[in-house]
Amino acid sequence: MNRPITRDSAFSDLARKPLPAFPGWWAALGPGIVWMALAQGSGELIWWPYLIAKYGLSFLFLLIPACLLQYPINVEIGRYTLLTGESIFHGFIRLNRLFGILLWILMSVSFLWFGAFASAGGTALAALTHFPDGWDARNQSLFWGYCSIAVFVTAIVFSKVVYVLVERFMKIVALTTVAGLLWACLQTEVVTAAPGFLQGLLGPTAPLPRPWETQDATKLLTAIAFAGLGGFWILFYSYWLRDKGVGMAVHMGKITGAIAGKPEVVTSDGFLPIDLAENKHHWKKWRQFLRTDVLIGIVGNLLTTLMTCLLAYALLFPKGLLPQDYELAVVQSRFFEVGWGELGRLLFLVVASAFLADTWLATADAVSRMQADIVHVLFPKSRRIALRTWYYIFLALLTLITSLTMLLDTPGTLILTSAVIGFGGTVMFPVALYLLNYRRLSPQLPIWAKPSSAGSWLLGLSFIVYLGLALAYGWTMLAG
């Protein structure tokens, strides 16, 4: 039996507006590609190749399930933003204010170290240029990491619309990387290894080619949870959808560059769709878009991860070469070197530097959006200052903080630290999304916009698996 719309105090402040018509696929697609490009920064280039290079195909069977687990979470994150225009973090605060504050604190701590992605990209540029002369690999990597941060911050400040800059840059990196990896996988040495590699997708191989090291438990957890975007990174998708202007987010405004002239009026409070026949038709198109956009991010990320794993199995595993420390993006240059020799090695280092450094750009932008949005939601008096101004305040703070934390340890260690903290959020998100979308928001929606029960079962499956991973990780670390 279909239930009528009922009132909920958590959403009583939301007015109702028409759901915009779907603008067409070319105009709407984009957030999923940004999601895919950002995901390439850790799981694809670093930890999955590391595990394959060290343990062969022992853990490869986990890759496809790990990627698919994120599908229901991303869909529910996107559903909330498409139907309200609000960020998913705003939704979590509506669900429970204390829970939202807890997530805010956890999120803020987890992103103190994401400057490591800039220094990871710097490892590639350092190996490419060996500049500055006379400096060791660590300091050269940090130098190039700081240079990339400076370039990206300048680009953000001078952009007309910040999201447009991020989307265009990430599209270029994603497409270039996919093309380069595909070409490398067609080399004879790699094609020869492909049949054995594909068998590894069907189940674990035994025994391990070398003894298991407890310290790799964190890397394995990170590889599984971030076979796509895990932790608080997965919430970025909501903010990209919002600034793309999809669904009800078309009413929300966009963050413009700092010197782009008069800023748009950007609001944090969203709207609910009116129950009209034409809105029902529009929602069918938007729902199809959401599922497709999420699949672009997940399937695209899965295919590129499989390619980096195949290359690692064919080219790194036989030689025992491991990407780590201040050669985090250097060892994998063998991926392109096999076909093009020295030119290929140099080309890979250029691609890898963008591959990793773009993670800093997208993360700095998204976290600044999150922080500005949360401040506006939690502290009404803060709205005296425009959302764009708060965005640039947090961008400046994040630039300073991450520039300092880059100095604390090697890029890999810092990335793992951020990942483990963020995994706590990954375990909680399926439950929070179920309560938000299925229990609280659904009664406020027209019948045609209510979620199906299948989505709730998929969320439950994701929660059980992530909780099991968390318990297994804790047991492994205590036993070790």
Protein backbone atom coordinates (compact mmCIF):
# COMPACT_ATOMS: atom_id res chain seq x y z
CA MET A 1 0.00 0.00 0.00
CA ASN A 2 1.35 3.45 -0.92
CA ARG A 3 1.63 5.80 2.00
CA PRO A 4 0.83 9.53 1.69
CA ILE A 5 3.38 12.23 2.40
CA THR A 6 3.78 12.89 6.13
CA ARG A 7 5.54 15.73 7.91
CA ASP A 8 8.88 15.31 9.68
CA SER A 9 10.35 18.10 11.81
CA ALA A 10 13.79 17.40 10.39
CA PHE A 11 12.58 18.55 6.96
CA SER A 12 9.89 21.06 7.98
CA ASP A 13 11.98 24.01 6.80
CA LEU A 14 12.22 22.76 3.22
CA ALA A 15 9.99 24.44 0.66
CA ARG A 16 8.80 22.56 -2.42
CA LYS A 17 9.89 23.38 -5.95
CA PRO A 18 9.57 21.76 -9.37
CA LEU A 19 12.07 19.04 -10.25
CA PRO A 20 13.98 20.36 -13.29
CA ALA A 21 13.85 18.46 -16.56
CA PHE A 22 16.81 16.24 -17.43
CA PRO A 23 19.15 18.38 -19.59
CA GLY A 24 20.57 15.51 -21.64
CA TRP A 25 23.39 13.05 -21.08
CA TRP A 26 26.22 15.20 -22.41
CA ALA A 27 25.27 18.08 -20.13
CA ALA A 28 24.64 15.94 -17.04
CA LEU A 29 27.49 13.42 -17.00
CA GLY A 30 30.66 14.39 -15.18
CA PRO A 31 30.60 13.70 -11.44
CA GLY A 32 31.12 9.96 -12.04
CA ILE A 33 34.21 10.67 -14.16
CA VAL A 34 35.60 12.97 -11.45
CA TRP A 35 34.91 10.19 -8.94
CA MET A 36 36.76 7.72 -11.18
CA ALA A 37 39.76 10.03 -11.65
CA LEU A 38 40.07 10.73 -7.93
CA ALA A 39 39.84 7.04 -7.11
CA GLN A 40 42.86 6.43 -9.35
CA GLY A 41 45.09 8.24 -6.89
CA SER A 42 45.59 5.50 -4.30
CA GLY A 43 43.96 2.14 -4.90
CA GLU A 44 44.78 1.91 -8.59
CA LEU A 45 48.31 3.20 -8.78
CA ILE A 46 49.69 2.40 -5.34
CA TRP A 47 48.19 -0.28 -3.12
CA TRP A 48 46.75 -2.81 -5.55
CA PRO A 49 49.97 -2.86 -7.63
CA TYR A 50 51.92 -3.12 -4.35
CA LEU A 51 49.92 -6.16 -3.21
CA ILE A 52 50.13 -7.83 -6.62
CA ALA A 53 53.86 -7.14 -6.92
CA LYS A 54 54.48 -8.58 -3.45
CA TYR A 55 51.95 -11.42 -3.11
CA GLY A 56 51.08 -12.20 -6.71
CA LEU A 57 47.42 -13.06 -7.34
CA SER A 58 46.65 -14.07 -3.74
CA PHE A 59 44.21 -11.20 -3.09
CA LEU A 60 43.10 -10.31 -6.62
CA PHE A 61 39.74 -12.09 -6.23
CA LEU A 62 38.73 -9.40 -3.71
CA LEU A 63 39.00 -6.55 -6.22
CA ILE A 64 35.69 -6.87 -8.12
CA PRO A 65 33.53 -7.35 -4.98
CA ALA A 66 35.33 -4.44 -3.31
CA CYS A 67 34.42 -2.12 -6.19
CA LEU A 68 30.81 -3.28 -6.42
CA LEU A 69 30.23 -2.80 -2.69
CA GLN A 70 30.39 0.95 -3.18
CA TYR A 71 27.56 1.03 -5.74
CA PRO A 72 24.59 1.15 -3.31
CA ILE A 73 26.36 3.68 -1.10
CA ASN A 74 27.05 6.04 -3.99
CA VAL A 75 23.51 5.70 -5.32
CA GLU A 76 22.00 6.60 -1.95
CA ILE A 77 24.38 9.54 -1.52
CA GLY A 78 23.40 10.78 -4.96
CA ARG A 79 19.70 10.13 -4.37
CA TYR A 80 19.61 12.47 -1.39
CA THR A 81 21.28 15.31 -3.31
CA LEU A 82 19.18 14.84 -6.45
CA LEU A 83 15.91 14.94 -4.46
CA THR A 84 16.78 17.79 -2.06
CA GLY A 85 19.66 19.71 -3.61
CA GLU A 86 21.44 19.46 -0.26
CA SER A 87 24.80 17.89 0.49
CA ILE A 88 24.77 14.46 2.08
CA PHE A 89 26.52 15.92 5.13
CA HIS A 90 23.58 18.28 5.59
CA GLY A 91 21.38 15.21 5.47
CA PHE A 92 23.41 13.46 8.17
CA ILE A 93 23.04 16.54 10.38
CA ARG A 94 19.28 16.51 9.78
CA LEU A 95 19.26 12.82 10.71
CA ASN A 96 20.97 13.49 14.03
CA ARG A 97 22.90 16.61 14.97
CA LEU A 98 25.34 14.84 17.33
CA PHE A 99 26.00 12.15 14.73
CA GLY A 100 26.71 14.84 12.16
CA ILE A 101 29.15 16.58 14.50
CA LEU A 102 30.90 13.27 15.23
CA LEU A 103 31.31 12.65 11.49
CA TRP A 104 32.54 16.22 11.03
CA ILE A 105 35.29 15.74 13.61
CA LEU A 106 36.29 12.36 12.19
CA MET A 107 36.29 13.74 8.66
CA SER A 108 38.41 16.74 9.63
CA VAL A 109 41.02 14.53 11.28
CA SER A 110 41.13 12.07 8.38
CA PHE A 111 41.97 14.81 5.88
CA LEU A 112 44.88 16.33 7.78
CA TRP A 113 47.29 14.19 5.75
CA PHE A 114 45.99 14.33 2.19
CA GLY A 115 48.94 16.52 1.20
CA ALA A 116 50.69 13.16 0.88
CA PHE A 117 49.07 12.77 -2.54
CA ALA A 118 50.87 15.89 -3.74
CA SER A 119 54.20 14.58 -2.44
CA ALA A 120 53.39 11.17 -3.99
CA GLY A 121 52.97 12.91 -7.33
CA GLY A 122 56.20 14.71 -6.53
CA THR A 123 58.03 11.37 -6.42
CA ALA A 124 57.29 10.96 -10.13
CA LEU A 125 58.40 14.49 -11.04
CA ALA A 126 61.53 14.11 -8.92
CA ALA A 127 62.46 10.91 -10.78
CA LEU A 128 61.68 12.64 -14.07
CA THR A 129 63.71 15.81 -13.54
CA HIS A 130 66.17 15.02 -10.72
CA PHE A 131 65.65 18.66 -9.80
CA PRO A 132 66.67 20.55 -7.71
CA ASP A 133 70.19 19.31 -8.29
CA GLY A 134 71.99 17.95 -5.25
CA TRP A 135 68.81 17.32 -3.25
CA ASP A 136 67.89 13.81 -2.11
CA ALA A 137 64.74 12.01 -3.35
CA ARG A 138 62.69 13.08 -0.32
CA ASN A 139 63.36 16.79 -0.69
CA GLN A 140 62.99 16.71 -4.46
CA SER A 141 59.61 15.00 -4.05
CA LEU A 142 58.49 17.57 -1.49
CA PHE A 143 59.65 20.42 -3.73
CA TRP A 144 57.53 19.19 -6.64
CA GLY A 145 54.63 18.45 -4.30
CA TYR A 146 54.63 22.07 -3.13
CA CYS A 147 54.90 23.28 -6.73
CA SER A 148 51.83 21.26 -7.75
CA ILE A 149 49.86 22.62 -4.78
CA ALA A 150 50.77 26.18 -5.76
CA VAL A 151 49.65 25.59 -9.34
CA PHE A 152 46.33 24.08 -8.30
CA VAL A 153 45.49 26.77 -5.73
CA THR A 154 46.24 29.45 -8.32
CA ALA A 155 44.00 27.70 -10.85
CA ILE A 156 41.13 27.54 -8.32
CA VAL A 157 41.44 31.22 -7.45
CA PHE A 158 41.39 32.31 -11.09
CA SER A 159 38.65 29.90 -12.24
CA LYS A 160 35.19 31.15 -13.20
CA VAL A 161 33.37 28.18 -11.65
CA VAL A 162 35.51 25.95 -9.45
CA TYR A 163 33.69 22.70 -10.18
CA VAL A 164 34.07 23.21 -13.95
CA LEU A 165 37.86 23.50 -13.49
CA VAL A 166 37.97 20.32 -11.39
CA GLU A 167 35.77 18.34 -13.79
CA ARG A 168 37.70 19.32 -16.91
CA PHE A 169 41.09 18.59 -15.39
CA MET A 170 39.99 15.26 -13.93
CA LYS A 171 38.46 14.19 -17.25
CA ILE A 172 41.74 14.82 -19.04
CA VAL A 173 43.73 12.87 -16.44
CA ALA A 174 41.25 9.98 -16.41
CA LEU A 175 41.07 9.59 -20.19
CA THR A 176 44.84 9.96 -20.65
CA THR A 177 45.54 7.40 -17.96
CA VAL A 178 43.07 4.86 -19.34
CA ALA A 179 44.51 5.22 -22.85
CA GLY A 180 48.09 4.85 -21.60
CA LEU A 181 47.32 1.80 -19.45
CA LEU A 182 45.37 0.13 -22.24
CA TRP A 183 48.27 0.61 -24.64
CA ALA A 184 50.74 -0.79 -22.08
CA CYS A 185 48.53 -3.86 -21.51
CA LEU A 186 48.72 -4.71 -25.23
CA GLN A 187 52.48 -5.31 -25.10
CA THR A 188 53.57 -8.91 -25.70
CA GLU A 189 55.08 -9.43 -22.24
CA VAL A 190 51.81 -8.35 -20.61
CA VAL A 191 49.47 -10.22 -22.97
CA THR A 192 51.38 -13.44 -22.25
CA ALA A 193 50.66 -13.07 -18.52
CA ALA A 194 46.95 -12.27 -19.00
CA PRO A 195 45.48 -15.85 -18.92
CA GLY A 196 47.05 -16.66 -15.55
CA PHE A 197 46.05 -13.23 -14.25
CA LEU A 198 42.39 -13.74 -15.18
CA GLN A 199 42.33 -17.02 -13.25
CA GLY A 200 43.27 -15.08 -10.14
CA LEU A 201 39.93 -13.25 -10.32
CA LEU A 202 38.07 -16.51 -9.65
CA GLY A 203 39.50 -17.27 -6.23
CA PRO A 204 42.54 -17.07 -3.93
CA THR A 205 45.78 -18.72 -4.89
CA ALA A 206 47.67 -20.71 -2.28
CA PRO A 207 50.15 -20.70 -0.81
CA LEU A 208 51.35 -17.09 -0.63
CA PRO A 209 54.50 -16.62 -2.71
CA ARG A 210 56.16 -15.04 0.33
CA PRO A 211 55.36 -14.91 4.08
CA TRP A 212 52.57 -12.55 5.06
CA GLU A 213 53.70 -9.40 6.87
CA THR A 214 51.28 -7.96 9.44
CA GLN A 215 52.23 -4.44 8.43
CA ASP A 216 50.55 -5.10 5.08
CA ALA A 217 47.14 -5.55 6.73
CA THR A 218 46.61 -1.78 6.58
CA LYS A 219 47.55 -1.75 2.90
CA LEU A 220 45.13 -4.59 2.16
CA LEU A 221 42.32 -2.87 4.09
CA THR A 222 43.01 0.36 2.22
CA ALA A 223 43.09 -1.42 -1.13
CA ILE A 224 39.72 -3.09 -0.49
CA ALA A 225 37.95 -0.12 1.07
CA PHE A 226 39.38 2.32 -1.46
CA ALA A 227 38.92 0.20 -4.59
CA GLY A 228 37.08 3.24 -5.78
CA LEU A 229 36.52 5.87 -3.13
CA GLY A 230 36.22 4.88 0.50
CA GLY A 231 36.05 6.67 3.80
CA PHE A 232 34.97 10.28 3.62
CA TRP A 233 36.09 10.54 0.01
CA ILE A 234 32.88 8.78 -1.01
CA LEU A 235 30.85 11.75 0.29
CA PHE A 236 32.53 14.03 -2.26
CA TYR A 237 30.18 12.64 -4.89
CA SER A 238 27.29 14.54 -3.31
CA TYR A 239 29.13 17.85 -3.58
CA TRP A 240 30.08 17.29 -7.22
CA LEU A 241 26.47 16.48 -8.06
CA ARG A 242 25.37 19.59 -6.24
CA ASP A 243 27.73 21.97 -8.03
CA LYS A 244 26.99 20.23 -11.33
CA GLY A 245 23.40 21.30 -10.74
CA VAL A 246 21.69 17.92 -11.12
CA GLY A 247 18.10 17.38 -10.03
CA MET A 248 16.95 19.74 -7.27
CA ALA A 249 20.52 21.02 -6.93
CA VAL A 250 19.87 23.32 -9.90
CA HIS A 251 18.28 25.67 -7.36
CA MET A 252 21.38 25.83 -5.11
CA GLY A 253 23.94 28.02 -6.94
CA LYS A 254 27.65 27.40 -7.65
CA ILE A 255 30.93 28.43 -6.02
CA THR A 256 32.86 30.74 -8.33
CA GLY A 257 36.52 31.70 -8.44
CA ALA A 258 37.85 34.21 -5.93
CA ILE A 259 38.37 36.88 -8.58
CA ALA A 260 35.58 35.85 -10.94
CA GLY A 261 33.54 38.93 -10.25
CA LYS A 262 30.20 38.99 -8.46
CA PRO A 263 29.62 35.56 -6.85
CA GLU A 264 26.43 33.56 -7.26
CA VAL A 265 24.10 33.29 -4.29
CA VAL A 266 24.76 29.80 -2.92
CA THR A 267 22.43 28.31 -0.33
CA SER A 268 22.91 25.32 1.96
CA ASP A 269 19.19 24.65 2.51
CA GLY A 270 17.53 22.61 -0.20
CA PHE A 271 14.03 21.92 -1.48
CA LEU A 272 11.68 18.98 -1.90
CA PRO A 273 10.06 18.13 -5.26
CA ILE A 274 6.40 18.93 -5.88
CA ASP A 275 4.14 15.97 -6.58
CA LEU A 276 3.35 16.65 -10.24
CA ALA A 277 2.98 14.25 -13.17
CA GLU A 278 5.73 16.01 -15.11
CA ASN A 279 8.07 15.77 -12.12
CA LYS A 280 7.45 12.03 -12.03
CA HIS A 281 8.58 11.85 -15.66
CA HIS A 282 11.65 14.00 -14.91
CA TRP A 283 12.59 11.77 -11.96
CA LYS A 284 12.69 8.65 -14.13
CA LYS A 285 15.38 10.31 -16.27
CA TRP A 286 17.32 11.59 -13.25
CA ARG A 287 17.21 8.17 -11.58
CA GLN A 288 18.56 6.58 -14.76
CA PHE A 289 21.28 9.23 -14.90
CA LEU A 290 22.28 8.60 -11.28
CA ARG A 291 22.68 4.87 -11.75
CA THR A 292 24.63 5.36 -14.99
CA ASP A 293 26.90 8.04 -13.56
CA VAL A 294 27.72 5.89 -10.53
CA LEU A 295 28.46 2.90 -12.78
CA ILE A 296 30.79 5.04 -14.91
CA GLY A 297 32.82 5.80 -11.81
CA ILE A 298 32.81 2.24 -10.47
CA VAL A 299 33.28 0.30 -13.72
CA GLY A 300 35.83 2.77 -15.06
CA ASN A 301 37.77 2.57 -11.83
CA LEU A 302 37.54 -1.25 -11.82
CA LEU A 303 38.88 -1.53 -15.37
CA THR A 304 41.83 0.77 -14.74
CA THR A 305 42.63 -0.99 -11.48
CA LEU A 306 42.57 -4.33 -13.27
CA MET A 307 44.99 -2.94 -15.85
CA THR A 308 47.44 -1.68 -13.21
CA CYS A 309 47.19 -5.05 -11.45
CA LEU A 310 47.87 -6.92 -14.70
CA LEU A 311 50.88 -4.72 -15.38
CA ALA A 312 52.14 -5.24 -11.84
CA TYR A 313 51.72 -9.00 -12.17
CA ALA A 314 53.49 -9.16 -15.54
CA LEU A 315 56.26 -6.62 -14.95
CA LEU A 316 56.84 -6.06 -11.21
CA PHE A 317 56.00 -9.38 -9.52
CA PRO A 318 58.61 -11.48 -11.39
CA LYS A 319 61.31 -9.00 -10.35
CA GLY A 320 60.09 -8.33 -6.81
CA LEU A 321 59.80 -4.57 -7.45
CA LEU A 322 57.58 -2.79 -4.90
CA PRO A 323 56.22 0.80 -5.05
CA GLN A 324 56.93 2.36 -1.66
CA ASP A 325 58.53 5.21 0.31
CA TYR A 326 59.80 8.01 -1.97
CA GLU A 327 59.59 5.81 -5.05
CA LEU A 328 55.84 5.41 -4.68
CA ALA A 329 55.15 6.32 -8.31
CA VAL A 330 58.55 5.49 -9.74
CA VAL A 331 58.66 1.68 -9.78
CA GLN A 332 55.49 1.55 -11.91
CA SER A 333 57.25 3.43 -14.72
CA ARG A 334 58.14 -0.08 -15.87
CA PHE A 335 54.49 -0.21 -17.06
CA PHE A 336 55.27 2.09 -20.02
CA GLU A 337 58.97 1.34 -20.31
CA VAL A 338 58.27 -2.19 -21.57
CA GLY A 339 56.92 -0.86 -24.85
CA TRP A 340 58.57 2.51 -25.39
CA GLY A 341 61.82 2.12 -23.48
CA GLU A 342 63.18 5.25 -21.81
CA LEU A 343 60.61 7.45 -23.54
CA GLY A 344 57.85 5.29 -22.10
CA ARG A 345 59.34 5.53 -18.61
CA LEU A 346 59.44 9.31 -18.83
CA LEU A 347 55.89 9.43 -20.21
CA PHE A 348 54.59 7.33 -17.33
CA LEU A 349 56.23 9.61 -14.78
CA VAL A 350 54.45 12.59 -16.32
CA VAL A 351 51.10 10.76 -16.28
CA ALA A 352 51.66 9.45 -12.75
CA SER A 353 52.47 12.91 -11.41
CA ALA A 354 49.09 14.18 -12.68
CA PHE A 355 47.45 10.89 -11.65
CA LEU A 356 48.41 11.48 -8.02
CA ALA A 357 48.59 15.26 -7.75
CA ASP A 358 45.05 15.65 -9.12
CA THR A 359 43.97 13.86 -5.95
CA TRP A 360 45.15 16.86 -3.97
CA LEU A 361 43.21 19.23 -6.24
CA ALA A 362 39.93 17.32 -6.04
CA THR A 363 40.30 16.61 -2.32
CA ALA A 364 41.21 20.19 -1.40
CA ASP A 365 38.22 21.46 -3.36
CA ALA A 366 35.77 18.90 -1.96
CA VAL A 367 36.91 19.17 1.67
CA SER A 368 36.75 22.97 1.49
CA ARG A 369 33.18 22.64 0.20
CA MET A 370 32.31 20.22 2.99
CA GLN A 371 33.76 22.42 5.72
CA ALA A 372 32.06 25.57 4.42
CA ASP A 373 28.75 23.75 4.06
CA ILE A 374 28.91 22.22 7.54
CA VAL A 375 29.72 25.56 9.16
CA HIS A 376 26.71 27.14 7.43
CA VAL A 377 24.44 24.31 8.54
CA LEU A 378 25.58 24.01 12.16
CA PHE A 379 26.05 27.72 12.92
CA PRO A 380 23.30 29.91 11.39
CA LYS A 381 25.12 33.14 12.30
CA SER A 382 28.00 32.06 10.05
CA ARG A 383 25.70 32.72 7.07
CA ARG A 384 26.47 36.39 7.43
CA ILE A 385 29.61 35.39 5.55
CA ALA A 386 28.99 34.02 2.07
CA LEU A 387 29.56 30.31 1.41
CA ARG A 388 32.18 31.21 -1.22
CA THR A 389 34.16 33.19 1.37
CA TRP A 390 34.08 30.26 3.82
CA TYR A 391 35.20 27.99 0.98
CA TYR A 392 38.33 30.05 0.39
CA ILE A 393 39.03 30.37 4.11
CA PHE A 394 39.07 26.59 4.43
CA LEU A 395 41.02 26.18 1.19
CA ALA A 396 43.74 28.42 2.65
CA LEU A 397 43.74 26.49 5.94
CA LEU A 398 43.88 23.11 4.20
CA THR A 399 46.71 24.26 1.98
CA LEU A 400 48.71 25.35 5.02
CA ILE A 401 47.93 22.26 7.11
CA THR A 402 48.60 19.71 4.39
CA SER A 403 51.80 21.50 3.40
CA LEU A 404 53.02 20.97 6.97
CA THR A 405 51.83 17.37 7.39
CA MET A 406 53.62 16.41 4.16
CA LEU A 407 56.85 16.78 6.14
CA LEU A 408 55.92 14.22 8.80
CA ASP A 409 56.47 10.92 6.99
CA THR A 410 56.68 9.19 3.62
CA PRO A 411 53.63 9.63 1.34
CA GLY A 412 52.52 6.00 1.69
CA THR A 413 52.44 6.12 5.49
CA LEU A 414 50.42 9.34 5.51
CA ILE A 415 47.94 8.02 2.94
CA LEU A 416 47.42 4.88 5.03
CA THR A 417 46.87 6.96 8.18
CA SER A 418 44.14 8.95 6.47
CA ALA A 419 42.59 5.78 5.04
CA VAL A 420 42.34 3.93 8.37
CA ILE A 421 40.65 6.91 10.04
CA GLY A 422 38.27 7.29 7.12
CA PHE A 423 37.35 3.61 7.17
CA GLY A 424 35.46 4.25 10.39
CA GLY A 425 33.11 6.41 8.35
CA THR A 426 32.79 3.73 5.67
CA VAL A 427 31.37 1.30 8.23
CA MET A 428 28.79 3.84 9.45
CA PHE A 429 27.60 5.20 6.11
CA PRO A 430 25.33 2.31 5.02
CA VAL A 431 23.35 2.48 8.28
CA ALA A 432 23.15 6.28 8.22
CA LEU A 433 22.05 6.32 4.58
CA TYR A 434 19.34 3.75 5.26
CA LEU A 435 17.96 5.75 8.18
CA LEU A 436 18.17 9.02 6.24
CA ASN A 437 16.76 7.98 2.85
CA TYR A 438 14.43 5.12 3.79
CA ARG A 439 13.15 6.12 7.22
CA ARG A 440 13.28 9.92 7.38
CA LEU A 441 13.29 11.35 3.83
CA SER A 442 11.07 8.79 2.12
CA PRO A 443 7.82 9.80 3.92
CA GLN A 444 8.40 13.39 2.72
CA LEU A 445 8.58 12.37 -0.93
CA PRO A 446 5.93 11.75 -3.59
CA ILE A 447 5.27 8.05 -4.18
CA TRP A 448 7.21 8.04 -7.44
CA ALA A 449 10.39 9.30 -5.70
CA LYS A 450 10.45 6.80 -2.83
CA PRO A 451 13.37 4.31 -2.89
CA SER A 452 12.82 0.61 -3.56
CA SER A 453 13.40 -2.07 -0.95
CA ALA A 454 16.18 -3.61 -3.07
CA GLY A 455 18.39 -0.64 -2.30
CA SER A 456 18.01 -1.17 1.44
CA TRP A 457 19.12 -4.80 1.11
CA LEU A 458 22.20 -3.76 -0.86
CA LEU A 459 23.06 -1.20 1.80
CA GLY A 460 22.74 -3.93 4.43
CA LEU A 461 25.12 -6.15 2.48
CA SER A 462 27.69 -3.35 2.25
CA PHE A 463 27.43 -2.73 5.98
CA ILE A 464 27.94 -6.40 6.88
CA VAL A 465 31.01 -6.69 4.65
CA TYR A 466 32.60 -3.44 5.84
CA LEU A 467 31.93 -4.32 9.47
CA GLY A 468 33.50 -7.74 8.89
CA LEU A 469 36.55 -6.09 7.33
CA ALA A 470 36.88 -3.75 10.30
CA LEU A 471 36.70 -6.64 12.78
CA ALA A 472 39.14 -8.75 10.76
CA TYR A 473 41.56 -5.83 10.54
CA GLY A 474 41.36 -5.19 14.27
CA TRP A 475 41.94 -8.89 15.03
CA THR A 476 44.91 -9.05 12.64
CA MET A 477 46.57 -6.00 14.13
CA LEU A 478 46.07 -7.26 17.71
CA ALA A 479 47.32 -10.73 16.79
CA GLY A 480 50.35 -9.26 15.06
